[in-house]
N, C-alpha and C. Protein backbone atom coordinates (compact mmCIF):
# COMPACT_ATOMS: atom_id res chain seq x y z
N MET A 1 -113.71 86.98 -30.58
CA MET A 1 -112.25 87.69 -29.14
C MET A 1 -112.11 86.86 -28.67
N ASN A 2 -111.26 86.76 -27.73
CA ASN A 2 -110.43 86.29 -26.84
C ASN A 2 -111.02 85.89 -25.31
N GLU A 3 -111.03 84.92 -24.98
CA GLU A 3 -111.83 85.32 -23.36
C GLU A 3 -111.35 85.88 -22.67
N ALA A 4 -109.57 85.80 -22.85
CA ALA A 4 -108.94 86.79 -21.70
C ALA A 4 -109.22 88.56 -21.75
N GLN A 5 -109.72 88.77 -22.60
CA GLN A 5 -110.23 90.06 -22.95
C GLN A 5 -111.34 90.76 -22.61
N ASN A 6 -111.92 89.74 -22.26
CA ASN A 6 -113.45 89.92 -21.64
C ASN A 6 -113.00 90.69 -19.54
N PHE A 7 -112.08 89.65 -19.43
CA PHE A 7 -111.60 90.45 -18.26
C PHE A 7 -110.25 90.43 -17.82
N TYR A 8 -109.65 90.78 -16.79
CA TYR A 8 -108.30 90.70 -16.55
C TYR A 8 -107.65 90.34 -15.36
N LEU A 9 -106.77 89.47 -15.33
CA LEU A 9 -105.39 89.14 -14.45
C LEU A 9 -104.27 89.99 -14.15
N THR A 10 -104.87 90.43 -12.74
CA THR A 10 -103.54 91.77 -12.29
C THR A 10 -101.78 90.72 -12.48
N LYS A 11 -101.14 91.82 -12.94
CA LYS A 11 -100.00 90.85 -12.71
C LYS A 11 -99.40 90.18 -11.60
N ARG A 12 -99.96 91.18 -10.25
CA ARG A 12 -99.39 89.77 -8.70
C ARG A 12 -100.04 88.69 -9.60
N GLU A 13 -101.49 88.56 -9.57
CA GLU A 13 -102.07 87.88 -9.93
C GLU A 13 -101.00 86.46 -10.60
N LYS A 14 -101.14 86.70 -11.98
CA LYS A 14 -100.22 85.93 -12.62
C LYS A 14 -98.78 85.44 -12.74
N ASP A 15 -98.46 86.20 -11.45
CA ASP A 15 -97.40 86.34 -11.26
C ASP A 15 -97.43 84.42 -10.46
N VAL A 16 -98.82 84.74 -9.27
CA VAL A 16 -98.97 83.54 -8.62
C VAL A 16 -99.04 82.00 -9.58
N LEU A 17 -99.98 82.84 -10.42
CA LEU A 17 -100.03 81.94 -11.39
C LEU A 17 -98.88 81.12 -11.95
N ASN A 18 -98.05 81.91 -12.27
CA ASN A 18 -97.05 80.95 -12.31
C ASN A 18 -96.44 79.75 -11.95
N LEU A 19 -96.62 80.60 -10.88
CA LEU A 19 -95.78 79.78 -9.63
C LEU A 19 -96.24 78.60 -9.07
N MET A 20 -97.64 78.78 -9.10
CA MET A 20 -98.54 77.70 -9.21
C MET A 20 -98.31 76.75 -10.26
N ALA A 21 -99.06 76.68 -11.22
CA ALA A 21 -98.49 76.40 -12.19
C ALA A 21 -97.19 75.79 -12.60
N LYS A 22 -95.96 75.95 -11.68
CA LYS A 22 -94.60 75.41 -11.67
C LYS A 22 -94.50 74.13 -10.30
N GLU A 23 -95.58 74.32 -9.53
CA GLU A 23 -95.90 73.71 -8.64
C GLU A 23 -95.36 73.62 -7.06
N TYR A 24 -95.22 75.03 -7.12
CA TYR A 24 -94.84 75.92 -6.07
C TYR A 24 -95.53 75.63 -5.48
N THR A 25 -95.67 75.45 -3.74
CA THR A 25 -96.42 75.52 -2.44
C THR A 25 -96.80 77.37 -1.96
N ILE A 26 -97.98 77.00 -1.11
CA ILE A 26 -98.70 78.13 -1.09
C ILE A 26 -96.83 79.10 -0.03
N GLN A 27 -96.10 78.57 0.84
CA GLN A 27 -95.27 78.89 1.44
C GLN A 27 -94.72 80.00 0.22
N GLU A 28 -93.85 78.60 -0.25
CA GLU A 28 -92.70 79.01 -1.82
C GLU A 28 -93.05 80.45 -2.28
N ILE A 29 -94.88 80.28 -2.46
CA ILE A 29 -95.31 81.35 -3.81
C ILE A 29 -94.59 82.74 -2.49
N ALA A 30 -95.16 82.60 -1.86
CA ALA A 30 -95.49 83.74 -0.89
C ALA A 30 -93.52 83.99 -0.39
N ASN A 31 -92.49 83.30 -0.38
CA ASN A 31 -90.60 83.22 -0.32
C ASN A 31 -90.70 84.03 -1.51
N SER A 32 -91.15 83.35 -2.63
CA SER A 32 -90.06 84.08 -4.06
C SER A 32 -91.27 85.09 -4.33
N LEU A 33 -92.55 85.66 -4.23
CA LEU A 33 -92.80 87.35 -4.43
C LEU A 33 -92.48 87.76 -3.19
N PHE A 34 -91.95 87.45 -2.04
CA PHE A 34 -92.13 88.16 -0.63
C PHE A 34 -93.12 89.21 -0.45
N ILE A 35 -94.08 88.17 -0.19
CA ILE A 35 -95.55 88.60 0.26
C ILE A 35 -95.72 87.16 0.65
N GLY A 36 -97.33 87.51 1.97
CA GLY A 36 -97.22 86.43 3.23
C GLY A 36 -98.23 85.51 2.46
N THR A 37 -98.04 84.01 3.08
CA THR A 37 -98.96 83.42 2.49
C THR A 37 -100.40 83.48 2.56
N GLU A 38 -101.22 84.44 3.29
CA GLU A 38 -102.81 85.07 3.33
C GLU A 38 -102.51 85.65 2.07
N THR A 39 -101.86 86.09 1.59
CA THR A 39 -101.93 87.18 0.42
C THR A 39 -101.84 86.45 -0.74
N VAL A 40 -101.67 85.50 -1.01
CA VAL A 40 -100.90 84.55 -1.90
C VAL A 40 -102.27 83.22 -2.07
N LYS A 41 -103.29 83.59 -0.30
CA LYS A 41 -104.33 82.37 -0.50
C LYS A 41 -105.73 84.20 -1.20
N THR A 42 -105.60 84.57 -0.39
CA THR A 42 -106.36 86.06 -1.25
C THR A 42 -106.69 86.06 -2.66
N HIS A 43 -104.93 86.76 -3.16
CA HIS A 43 -104.99 86.22 -5.16
C HIS A 43 -105.33 84.90 -5.37
N ARG A 44 -105.66 83.44 -5.19
CA ARG A 44 -105.68 82.55 -5.47
C ARG A 44 -107.05 82.47 -5.43
N LYS A 45 -108.26 83.29 -4.59
CA LYS A 45 -109.66 83.92 -3.64
C LYS A 45 -109.54 84.19 -5.25
N LYS A 46 -109.36 85.05 -5.80
CA LYS A 46 -109.73 86.02 -6.35
C LYS A 46 -109.73 85.26 -7.56
N MET A 47 -108.46 85.29 -8.10
CA MET A 47 -108.33 84.25 -9.39
C MET A 47 -109.68 83.23 -9.50
N MET A 48 -109.44 82.42 -8.87
CA MET A 48 -110.82 81.16 -8.45
C MET A 48 -112.51 82.21 -8.54
N LEU A 49 -112.67 83.48 -8.44
CA LEU A 49 -113.59 83.84 -9.07
C LEU A 49 -113.69 83.84 -10.32
N LYS A 50 -112.41 84.88 -10.48
CA LYS A 50 -112.34 85.49 -11.72
C LYS A 50 -112.16 84.25 -13.10
N LEU A 51 -111.87 82.92 -12.78
CA LEU A 51 -111.78 81.67 -13.98
C LEU A 51 -112.52 80.90 -13.53
N ASP A 52 -113.68 81.27 -12.78
CA ASP A 52 -114.71 80.69 -12.26
C ASP A 52 -114.55 78.47 -11.80
N ALA A 53 -113.16 78.98 -10.65
CA ALA A 53 -112.47 77.46 -10.49
C ALA A 53 -112.54 77.27 -9.34
N HIS A 54 -112.65 76.40 -8.93
CA HIS A 54 -112.72 75.05 -7.73
C HIS A 54 -111.79 74.59 -7.09
N SER A 55 -110.74 74.91 -7.20
CA SER A 55 -109.18 74.13 -7.02
C SER A 55 -108.35 74.71 -7.15
N ALA A 56 -106.91 74.63 -6.73
CA ALA A 56 -105.78 75.11 -7.55
C ALA A 56 -104.75 74.84 -9.07
N VAL A 57 -105.93 73.10 -9.19
CA VAL A 57 -105.69 72.36 -10.47
C VAL A 57 -106.67 73.29 -11.44
N GLY A 58 -107.99 74.09 -10.87
CA GLY A 58 -108.50 74.43 -11.98
C GLY A 58 -108.27 76.21 -12.49
N ILE A 59 -107.79 76.12 -11.20
CA ILE A 59 -106.83 77.36 -11.86
C ILE A 59 -106.27 77.25 -12.90
N VAL A 60 -105.04 76.39 -12.54
CA VAL A 60 -104.25 76.42 -14.21
C VAL A 60 -105.06 76.18 -15.20
N VAL A 61 -106.24 74.98 -14.80
CA VAL A 61 -105.80 74.40 -16.21
C VAL A 61 -106.60 75.63 -17.63
N LYS A 62 -107.91 76.39 -16.23
CA LYS A 62 -108.95 77.00 -16.70
C LYS A 62 -108.33 78.65 -17.18
N ALA A 63 -106.77 78.77 -16.68
CA ALA A 63 -106.16 79.71 -17.31
C ALA A 63 -105.58 79.84 -18.68
N ILE A 64 -104.72 78.34 -18.99
CA ILE A 64 -104.62 77.54 -19.90
C ILE A 64 -105.58 78.14 -21.06
N GLN A 65 -106.82 77.63 -20.73
CA GLN A 65 -108.15 77.75 -21.82
C GLN A 65 -108.45 79.11 -22.22
N LYS A 66 -108.13 79.88 -20.88
CA LYS A 66 -108.42 81.05 -20.98
C LYS A 66 -107.54 81.94 -21.91
N GLY A 67 -106.14 81.69 -22.33
CA GLY A 67 -105.07 82.01 -22.93
C GLY A 67 -104.75 83.30 -21.69
N PHE A 68 -104.55 82.92 -20.35
CA PHE A 68 -103.87 83.63 -20.20
C PHE A 68 -102.54 83.09 -19.69
N TYR A 69 -102.67 81.78 -19.37
CA TYR A 69 -100.99 81.26 -19.33
C TYR A 69 -101.39 80.22 -20.56
N GLN A 70 -99.78 79.73 -21.14
CA GLN A 70 -98.68 78.70 -21.80
C GLN A 70 -98.23 78.32 -21.11
N LEU A 71 -97.99 76.92 -20.80
CA LEU A 71 -97.37 75.49 -20.99
C LEU A 71 -96.18 76.07 -21.67
């Protein structure tokens, strides 16, 4: 079983993840998705918990390892 099947990222979390992987800043992500910076931070915090990551880089690395994102 693929680890990605054990839990899921929401569509919006995947949107944020995609832009994080492209090195967008929090402000750039917020502008691109028409959401506030605090909302972006909330999505990042939730992804950190789900992926057991400790930083933005960790989110992207673990998302790749678990099959949520491909380069």
